[in-house]
Amino acid sequence: MAAQDDLFPGYRSSFEHGANITLNDVNILATLPRALMATTTAGKVTVISKGGETFDIYLPLGVPVFVRAKVVKAAGATAAGVTALW
């Protein structure tokens, strides 16, 4: 199932939605977030971007990191309490 993408070019307002996500190595998020944020423990996660690239990002505690991730992998993750914001 393809992720729903509610973002359009030039969209620059505050986040309207948020959801705690379960890290999973293959499941595509239901909605593409504008950002991810660690709410329990800062750390690293591996993401697959909207464009299909796989890379690691660091999520500081309580700070949104702007990334259009369609998958947020559980393998090797050290961040906890990951929230998707859009």
PDB file of N, CA and C in Angstrom:
ATOM      1  N   MET A   1       0.842  -1.171   0.000  1.00  0.00           N
ATOM      2  CA  MET A   1       0.000   0.000   0.000  1.00  0.00           C
ATOM      3  C   MET A   1       0.894   1.242   0.000  1.00  0.00           C
ATOM      4  N   ALA A   2       0.636   2.171  -0.849  1.00  0.00           N
ATOM      5  CA  ALA A   2       1.415   3.410  -0.934  1.00  0.00           C
ATOM      6  C   ALA A   2       1.034   4.347   0.209  1.00  0.00           C
ATOM      7  N   ALA A   3       2.010   5.085   0.684  1.00  0.00           N
ATOM      8  CA  ALA A   3       1.763   6.054   1.749  1.00  0.00           C
ATOM      9  C   ALA A   3       1.002   7.251   1.203  1.00  0.00           C
ATOM     10  N   GLN A   4       0.104   7.767   2.008  1.00  0.00           N
ATOM     11  CA  GLN A   4      -0.615   8.988   1.641  1.00  0.00           C
ATOM     12  C   GLN A   4       0.335  10.164   1.834  1.00  0.00           C
ATOM     13  N   ASP A   5       0.397  11.069   0.866  1.00  0.00           N
ATOM     14  CA  ASP A   5       1.291  12.223   0.935  1.00  0.00           C
ATOM     15  C   ASP A   5       0.453  13.489   0.922  1.00  0.00           C
ATOM     16  N   ASP A   6       0.257  14.091   2.111  1.00  0.00           N
ATOM     17  CA  ASP A   6      -0.590  15.276   2.238  1.00  0.00           C
ATOM     18  C   ASP A   6       0.183  16.578   2.110  1.00  0.00           C
ATOM     19  N   LEU A   7       1.472  16.508   1.825  1.00  0.00           N
ATOM     20  CA  LEU A   7       2.278  17.716   1.747  1.00  0.00           C
ATOM     21  C   LEU A   7       2.307  18.233   0.323  1.00  0.00           C
ATOM     22  N   PHE A   8       2.185  19.526   0.167  1.00  0.00           N
ATOM     23  CA  PHE A   8       2.293  20.097  -1.166  1.00  0.00           C
ATOM     24  C   PHE A   8       3.424  21.116  -1.167  1.00  0.00           C
ATOM     25  N   PRO A   9       4.020  21.423  -2.331  1.00  0.00           N
ATOM     26  CA  PRO A   9       5.165  22.335  -2.388  1.00  0.00           C
ATOM     27  C   PRO A   9       4.868  23.683  -1.729  1.00  0.00           C
ATOM     28  N   GLY A  10       5.842  24.192  -1.000  1.00  0.00           N
ATOM     29  CA  GLY A  10       5.697  25.486  -0.371  1.00  0.00           C
ATOM     30  C   GLY A  10       4.961  25.465   0.958  1.00  0.00           C
ATOM     31  N   TYR A  11       4.570  24.310   1.444  1.00  0.00           N
ATOM     32  CA  TYR A  11       3.837  24.183   2.692  1.00  0.00           C
ATOM     33  C   TYR A  11       4.767  24.492   3.859  1.00  0.00           C
ATOM     34  N   ARG A  12       4.498  25.578   4.596  1.00  0.00           N
ATOM     35  CA  ARG A  12       5.416  26.019   5.643  1.00  0.00           C
ATOM     36  C   ARG A  12       4.697  26.410   6.935  1.00  0.00           C
ATOM     37  N   SER A  13       3.757  25.655   7.387  1.00  0.00           N
ATOM     38  CA  SER A  13       3.083  25.996   8.632  1.00  0.00           C
ATOM     39  C   SER A  13       3.465  24.991   9.709  1.00  0.00           C
ATOM     40  N   SER A  14       2.895  25.153  10.886  1.00  0.00           N
ATOM     41  CA  SER A  14       3.172  24.229  11.975  1.00  0.00           C
ATOM     42  C   SER A  14       2.582  22.857  11.660  1.00  0.00           C
ATOM     43  N   PHE A  15       2.958  21.888  12.454  1.00  0.00           N
ATOM     44  CA  PHE A  15       2.432  20.538  12.265  1.00  0.00           C
ATOM     45  C   PHE A  15       0.961  20.510  12.650  1.00  0.00           C
ATOM     46  N   GLU A  16       0.172  19.818  11.875  1.00  0.00           N
ATOM     47  CA  GLU A  16      -1.252  19.689  12.151  1.00  0.00           C
ATOM     48  C   GLU A  16      -1.596  18.329  12.753  1.00  0.00           C
ATOM     49  N   HIS A  17      -0.713  17.347  12.556  1.00  0.00           N
ATOM     50  CA  HIS A  17      -0.982  15.988  13.008  1.00  0.00           C
ATOM     51  C   HIS A  17       0.288  15.376  13.570  1.00  0.00           C
ATOM     52  N   GLY A  18       0.103  14.386  14.413  1.00  0.00           N
ATOM     53  CA  GLY A  18       1.223  13.624  14.942  1.00  0.00           C
ATOM     54  C   GLY A  18       0.736  12.252  15.361  1.00  0.00           C
ATOM     55  N   ALA A  19       1.641  11.279  15.296  1.00  0.00           N
ATOM     56  CA  ALA A  19       1.281   9.927  15.711  1.00  0.00           C
ATOM     57  C   ALA A  19       2.533   9.195  16.156  1.00  0.00           C
ATOM     58  N   ASN A  20       2.422   8.485  17.268  1.00  0.00           N
ATOM     59  CA  ASN A  20       3.513   7.608  17.670  1.00  0.00           C
ATOM     60  C   ASN A  20       3.589   6.480  16.654  1.00  0.00           C
ATOM     61  N   ILE A  21       4.798   6.119  16.288  1.00  0.00           N
ATOM     62  CA  ILE A  21       4.934   5.057  15.294  1.00  0.00           C
ATOM     63  C   ILE A  21       5.689   3.878  15.888  1.00  0.00           C
ATOM     64  N   THR A  22       5.403   2.702  15.360  1.00  0.00           N
ATOM     65  CA  THR A  22       6.123   1.496  15.721  1.00  0.00           C
ATOM     66  C   THR A  22       7.185   1.274  14.660  1.00  0.00           C
ATOM     67  N   LEU A  23       8.445   1.242  15.094  1.00  0.00           N
ATOM     68  CA  LEU A  23       9.531   1.028  14.141  1.00  0.00           C
ATOM     69  C   LEU A  23       9.397  -0.362  13.546  1.00  0.00           C
ATOM     70  N   ASN A  24       9.591  -0.455  12.233  1.00  0.00           N
ATOM     71  CA  ASN A  24       9.438  -1.716  11.512  1.00  0.00           C
ATOM     72  C   ASN A  24      10.313  -1.665  10.273  1.00  0.00           C
ATOM     73  N   ASP A  25      10.975  -2.752   9.967  1.00  0.00           N
ATOM     74  CA  ASP A  25      11.945  -2.758   8.877  1.00  0.00           C
ATOM     75  C   ASP A  25      11.335  -2.725   7.479  1.00  0.00           C
ATOM     76  N   VAL A  26      10.061  -3.029   7.333  1.00  0.00           N
ATOM     77  CA  VAL A  26       9.471  -3.095   5.995  1.00  0.00           C
ATOM     78  C   VAL A  26       8.154  -2.344   5.816  1.00  0.00           C
ATOM     79  N   ASN A  27       7.400  -2.132   6.878  1.00  0.00           N
ATOM     80  CA  ASN A  27       6.086  -1.501   6.743  1.00  0.00           C
ATOM     81  C   ASN A  27       6.201  -0.033   6.347  1.00  0.00           C
ATOM     82  N   ILE A  28       5.429   0.356   5.350  1.00  0.00           N
ATOM     83  CA  ILE A  28       5.383   1.743   4.905  1.00  0.00           C
ATOM     84  C   ILE A  28       4.412   2.498   5.807  1.00  0.00           C
ATOM     85  N   LEU A  29       4.825   3.678   6.273  1.00  0.00           N
ATOM     86  CA  LEU A  29       3.958   4.497   7.116  1.00  0.00           C
ATOM     87  C   LEU A  29       2.685   4.866   6.353  1.00  0.00           C
ATOM     88  N   ALA A  30       1.576   4.947   7.050  1.00  0.00           N
ATOM     89  CA  ALA A  30       0.293   5.247   6.421  1.00  0.00           C
ATOM     90  C   ALA A  30       0.286   6.632   5.783  1.00  0.00           C
ATOM     91  N   THR A  31       0.945   7.601   6.415  1.00  0.00           N
ATOM     92  CA  THR A  31       1.051   8.963   5.900  1.00  0.00           C
ATOM     93  C   THR A  31       2.503   9.393   5.975  1.00  0.00           C
ATOM     94  N   LEU A  32       3.016   9.998   4.916  1.00  0.00           N
ATOM     95  CA  LEU A  32       4.397  10.471   4.932  1.00  0.00           C
ATOM     96  C   LEU A  32       4.522  11.665   5.875  1.00  0.00           C
ATOM     97  N   PRO A  33       5.397  11.573   6.871  1.00  0.00           N
ATOM     98  CA  PRO A  33       5.561  12.697   7.787  1.00  0.00           C
ATOM     99  C   PRO A  33       6.419  13.799   7.179  1.00  0.00           C
ATOM    100  N   ARG A  34       6.303  14.996   7.747  1.00  0.00           N
ATOM    101  CA  ARG A  34       7.226  16.091   7.429  1.00  0.00           C
ATOM    102  C   ARG A  34       8.457  15.973   8.296  1.00  0.00           C
ATOM    103  N   ALA A  35       8.298  15.374   9.490  1.00  0.00           N
ATOM    104  CA  ALA A  35       9.411  15.278  10.433  1.00  0.00           C
ATOM    105  C   ALA A  35       9.206  14.086  11.353  1.00  0.00           C
ATOM    106  N   LEU A  36      10.312  13.666  11.981  1.00  0.00           N
ATOM    107  CA  LEU A  36      10.295  12.652  13.031  1.00  0.00           C
ATOM    108  C   LEU A  36      10.866  13.278  14.284  1.00  0.00           C
ATOM    109  N   MET A  37      10.417  12.780  15.454  1.00  0.00           N
ATOM    110  CA  MET A  37      10.915  13.304  16.712  1.00  0.00           C
ATOM    111  C   MET A  37      10.985  12.173  17.736  1.00  0.00           C
ATOM    112  N   ALA A  38      12.093  12.099  18.477  1.00  0.00           N
ATOM    113  CA  ALA A  38      12.223  11.140  19.576  1.00  0.00           C
ATOM    114  C   ALA A  38      11.617  11.771  20.820  1.00  0.00           C
ATOM    115  N   THR A  39      10.717  11.057  21.498  1.00  0.00           N
ATOM    116  CA  THR A  39      10.058  11.606  22.677  1.00  0.00           C
ATOM    117  C   THR A  39      10.470  10.901  23.972  1.00  0.00           C
ATOM    118  N   THR A  40      11.169   9.782  23.868  1.00  0.00           N
ATOM    119  CA  THR A  40      11.589   9.040  25.055  1.00  0.00           C
ATOM    120  C   THR A  40      13.114   9.024  25.188  1.00  0.00           C
ATOM    121  N   THR A  41      13.803   8.612  24.117  1.00  0.00           N
ATOM    122  CA  THR A  41      15.260   8.511  24.126  1.00  0.00           C
ATOM    123  C   THR A  41      15.813   9.005  22.801  1.00  0.00           C
ATOM    124  N   ALA A  42      16.775   9.929  22.870  1.00  0.00           N
ATOM    125  CA  ALA A  42      17.457  10.379  21.650  1.00  0.00           C
ATOM    126  C   ALA A  42      18.264   9.223  21.082  1.00  0.00           C
ATOM    127  N   GLY A  43      18.472   9.249  19.768  1.00  0.00           N
ATOM    128  CA  GLY A  43      19.283   8.198  19.162  1.00  0.00           C
ATOM    129  C   GLY A  43      19.142   8.156  17.660  1.00  0.00           C
ATOM    130  N   LYS A  44      19.666   7.085  17.092  1.00  0.00           N
ATOM    131  CA  LYS A  44      19.717   6.900  15.650  1.00  0.00           C
ATOM    132  C   LYS A  44      18.562   6.028  15.178  1.00  0.00           C
ATOM    133  N   VAL A  45      18.069   6.339  13.989  1.00  0.00           N
ATOM    134  CA  VAL A  45      17.155   5.452  13.269  1.00  0.00           C
ATOM    135  C   VAL A  45      17.604   5.402  11.813  1.00  0.00           C
ATOM    136  N   THR A  46      17.291   4.332  11.169  1.00  0.00           N
ATOM    137  CA  THR A  46      17.521   4.200   9.734  1.00  0.00           C
ATOM    138  C   THR A  46      16.179   4.375   9.047  1.00  0.00           C
ATOM    139  N   VAL A  47      16.161   5.219   8.019  1.00  0.00           N
ATOM    140  CA  VAL A  47      14.921   5.480   7.297  1.00  0.00           C
ATOM    141  C   VAL A  47      15.092   5.140   5.819  1.00  0.00           C
ATOM    142  N   ILE A  48      13.966   4.873   5.183  1.00  0.00           N
ATOM    143  CA  ILE A  48      13.898   4.835   3.725  1.00  0.00           C
ATOM    144  C   ILE A  48      13.070   6.059   3.353  1.00  0.00           C
ATOM    145  N   SER A  49      13.667   6.961   2.582  1.00  0.00           N
ATOM    146  CA  SER A  49      13.022   8.230   2.250  1.00  0.00           C
ATOM    147  C   SER A  49      11.938   8.048   1.194  1.00  0.00           C
ATOM    148  N   LYS A  50      11.156   9.087   1.013  1.00  0.00           N
ATOM    149  CA  LYS A  50      10.129   9.108  -0.032  1.00  0.00           C
ATOM    150  C   LYS A  50      10.755   8.780  -1.385  1.00  0.00           C
ATOM    151  N   GLY A  51      11.978   9.239  -1.599  1.00  0.00           N
ATOM    152  CA  GLY A  51      12.666   8.997  -2.863  1.00  0.00           C
ATOM    153  C   GLY A  51      13.310   7.623  -2.986  1.00  0.00           C
ATOM    154  N   GLY A  52      13.306   6.834  -1.893  1.00  0.00           N
ATOM    155  CA  GLY A  52      13.808   5.472  -1.947  1.00  0.00           C
ATOM    156  C   GLY A  52      15.214   5.272  -1.392  1.00  0.00           C
ATOM    157  N   GLU A  53      15.860   6.342  -0.919  1.00  0.00           N
ATOM    158  CA  GLU A  53      17.201   6.208  -0.358  1.00  0.00           C
ATOM    159  C   GLU A  53      17.108   5.700   1.083  1.00  0.00           C
ATOM    160  N   THR A  54      18.088   4.899   1.485  1.00  0.00           N
ATOM    161  CA  THR A  54      18.179   4.404   2.854  1.00  0.00           C
ATOM    162  C   THR A  54      19.359   5.081   3.527  1.00  0.00           C
ATOM    163  N   PHE A  55      19.119   5.677   4.710  1.00  0.00           N
ATOM    164  CA  PHE A  55      20.203   6.352   5.424  1.00  0.00           C
ATOM    165  C   PHE A  55      19.851   6.472   6.901  1.00  0.00           C
ATOM    166  N   ASP A  56      20.878   6.732   7.712  1.00  0.00           N
ATOM    167  CA  ASP A  56      20.708   6.916   9.151  1.00  0.00           C
ATOM    168  C   ASP A  56      20.512   8.390   9.459  1.00  0.00           C
ATOM    169  N   ILE A  57      19.673   8.669  10.454  1.00  0.00           N
ATOM    170  CA  ILE A  57      19.539  10.031  10.976  1.00  0.00           C
ATOM    171  C   ILE A  57      19.555   9.952  12.495  1.00  0.00           C
ATOM    172  N   TYR A  58      19.982  11.042  13.109  1.00  0.00           N
ATOM    173  CA  TYR A  58      19.993  11.138  14.564  1.00  0.00           C
ATOM    174  C   TYR A  58      18.800  11.978  14.990  1.00  0.00           C
ATOM    175  N   LEU A  59      18.039  11.472  15.952  1.00  0.00           N
ATOM    176  CA  LEU A  59      16.882  12.187  16.473  1.00  0.00           C
ATOM    177  C   LEU A  59      17.205  12.680  17.879  1.00  0.00           C
ATOM    178  N   PRO A  60      17.463  13.989  18.048  1.00  0.00           N
ATOM    179  CA  PRO A  60      17.653  14.526  19.395  1.00  0.00           C
ATOM    180  C   PRO A  60      16.330  14.453  20.152  1.00  0.00           C
ATOM    181  N   LEU A  61      16.403  14.392  21.450  1.00  0.00           N
ATOM    182  CA  LEU A  61      15.189  14.287  22.266  1.00  0.00           C
ATOM    183  C   LEU A  61      14.346  15.564  22.150  1.00  0.00           C
ATOM    184  N   GLY A  62      13.102  15.413  21.691  1.00  0.00           N
ATOM    185  CA  GLY A  62      12.150  16.511  21.645  1.00  0.00           C
ATOM    186  C   GLY A  62      12.341  17.525  20.535  1.00  0.00           C
ATOM    187  N   VAL A  63      13.177  17.217  19.556  1.00  0.00           N
ATOM    188  CA  VAL A  63      13.451  18.161  18.467  1.00  0.00           C
ATOM    189  C   VAL A  63      13.010  17.534  17.140  1.00  0.00           C
ATOM    190  N   PRO A  64      12.073  18.144  16.417  1.00  0.00           N
ATOM    191  CA  PRO A  64      11.666  17.596  15.122  1.00  0.00           C
ATOM    192  C   PRO A  64      12.824  17.634  14.121  1.00  0.00           C
ATOM    193  N   VAL A  65      13.012  16.532  13.422  1.00  0.00           N
ATOM    194  CA  VAL A  65      14.011  16.439  12.358  1.00  0.00           C
ATOM    195  C   VAL A  65      13.239  16.266  11.053  1.00  0.00           C
ATOM    196  N   PHE A  66      13.394  17.231  10.165  1.00  0.00           N
ATOM    197  CA  PHE A  66      12.632  17.215   8.923  1.00  0.00           C
ATOM    198  C   PHE A  66      13.173  16.158   7.975  1.00  0.00           C
ATOM    199  N   VAL A  67      12.355  15.148   7.720  1.00  0.00           N
ATOM    200  CA  VAL A  67      12.707  14.060   6.810  1.00  0.00           C
ATOM    201  C   VAL A  67      11.410  13.434   6.318  1.00  0.00           C
ATOM    202  N   ARG A  68      11.329  13.203   5.022  1.00  0.00           N
ATOM    203  CA  ARG A  68      10.149  12.568   4.414  1.00  0.00           C
ATOM    204  C   ARG A  68      10.391  11.069   4.370  1.00  0.00           C
ATOM    205  N   ALA A  69      10.211  10.389   5.479  1.00  0.00           N
ATOM    206  CA  ALA A  69      10.488   8.955   5.596  1.00  0.00           C
ATOM    207  C   ALA A  69       9.232   8.145   5.326  1.00  0.00           C
ATOM    208  N   LYS A  70       9.369   7.130   4.467  1.00  0.00           N
ATOM    209  CA  LYS A  70       8.220   6.244   4.269  1.00  0.00           C
ATOM    210  C   LYS A  70       8.350   4.979   5.113  1.00  0.00           C
ATOM    211  N   VAL A  71       9.588   4.633   5.529  1.00  0.00           N
ATOM    212  CA  VAL A  71       9.837   3.512   6.430  1.00  0.00           C
ATOM    213  C   VAL A  71      10.820   3.989   7.490  1.00  0.00           C
ATOM    214  N   VAL A  72      10.560   3.646   8.748  1.00  0.00           N
ATOM    215  CA  VAL A  72      11.492   3.916   9.850  1.00  0.00           C
ATOM    216  C   VAL A  72      11.826   2.553  10.446  1.00  0.00           C
ATOM    217  N   LYS A  73      13.058   2.114  10.237  1.00  0.00           N
ATOM    218  CA  LYS A  73      13.447   0.743  10.561  1.00  0.00           C
ATOM    219  C   LYS A  73      13.697   0.525  12.048  1.00  0.00           C
ATOM    220  N   ALA A  74      13.357  -0.678  12.512  1.00  0.00           N
ATOM    221  CA  ALA A  74      13.607  -1.078  13.894  1.00  0.00           C
ATOM    222  C   ALA A  74      15.045  -1.561  14.066  1.00  0.00           C
ATOM    223  N   ALA A  75      15.588  -2.219  13.045  1.00  0.00           N
ATOM    224  CA  ALA A  75      16.932  -2.793  13.132  1.00  0.00           C
ATOM    225  C   ALA A  75      17.966  -1.702  13.398  1.00  0.00           C
ATOM    226  N   GLY A  76      18.702  -1.849  14.492  1.00  0.00           N
ATOM    227  CA  GLY A  76      19.776  -0.923  14.812  1.00  0.00           C
ATOM    228  C   GLY A  76      19.339   0.393  15.425  1.00  0.00           C
ATOM    229  N   ALA A  77      18.037   0.597  15.631  1.00  0.00           N
ATOM    230  CA  ALA A  77      17.546   1.869  16.171  1.00  0.00           C
ATOM    231  C   ALA A  77      17.937   2.008  17.637  1.00  0.00           C
ATOM    232  N   THR A  78      18.391   3.207  17.989  1.00  0.00           N
ATOM    233  CA  THR A  78      18.668   3.517  19.394  1.00  0.00           C
ATOM    234  C   THR A  78      17.715   4.588  19.920  1.00  0.00           C
ATOM    235  N   ALA A  79      17.004   5.271  19.040  1.00  0.00           N
ATOM    236  CA  ALA A  79      15.991   6.245  19.456  1.00  0.00           C
ATOM    237  C   ALA A  79      14.740   5.488  19.902  1.00  0.00           C
ATOM    238  N   ALA A  80      14.025   6.068  20.861  1.00  0.00           N
ATOM    239  CA  ALA A  80      12.790   5.441  21.334  1.00  0.00           C
ATOM    240  C   ALA A  80      11.691   6.499  21.448  1.00  0.00           C
ATOM    241  N   GLY A  81      10.462   6.009  21.357  1.00  0.00           N
ATOM    242  CA  GLY A  81       9.328   6.913  21.424  1.00  0.00           C
ATOM    243  C   GLY A  81       9.291   7.820  20.208  1.00  0.00           C
ATOM    244  N   VAL A  82       9.388   7.233  19.028  1.00  0.00           N
ATOM    245  CA  VAL A  82       9.445   8.031  17.795  1.00  0.00           C
ATOM    246  C   VAL A  82       8.045   8.459  17.382  1.00  0.00           C
ATOM    247  N   THR A  83       7.911   9.754  17.121  1.00  0.00           N
ATOM    248  CA  THR A  83       6.644  10.334  16.711  1.00  0.00           C
ATOM    249  C   THR A  83       6.803  10.910  15.294  1.00  0.00           C
ATOM    250  N   ALA A  84       5.827  10.626  14.451  1.00  0.00           N
ATOM    251  CA  ALA A  84       5.771  11.214  13.109  1.00  0.00           C
ATOM    252  C   ALA A  84       4.921  12.471  13.179  1.00  0.00           C
ATOM    253  N   LEU A  85       5.385  13.532  12.538  1.00  0.00           N
ATOM    254  CA  LEU A  85       4.674  14.823  12.529  1.00  0.00           C
ATOM    255  C   LEU A  85       4.402  15.243  11.086  1.00  0.00           C
ATOM    256  N   TRP A  86       3.184  15.720  10.829  1.00  0.00           N
ATOM    257  CA  TRP A  86       2.856  16.228   9.499  1.00  0.00           C
ATOM    258  C   TRP A  86       1.795  17.281   9.589  1.00  0.00           C
TER     259      TRP A  86
END
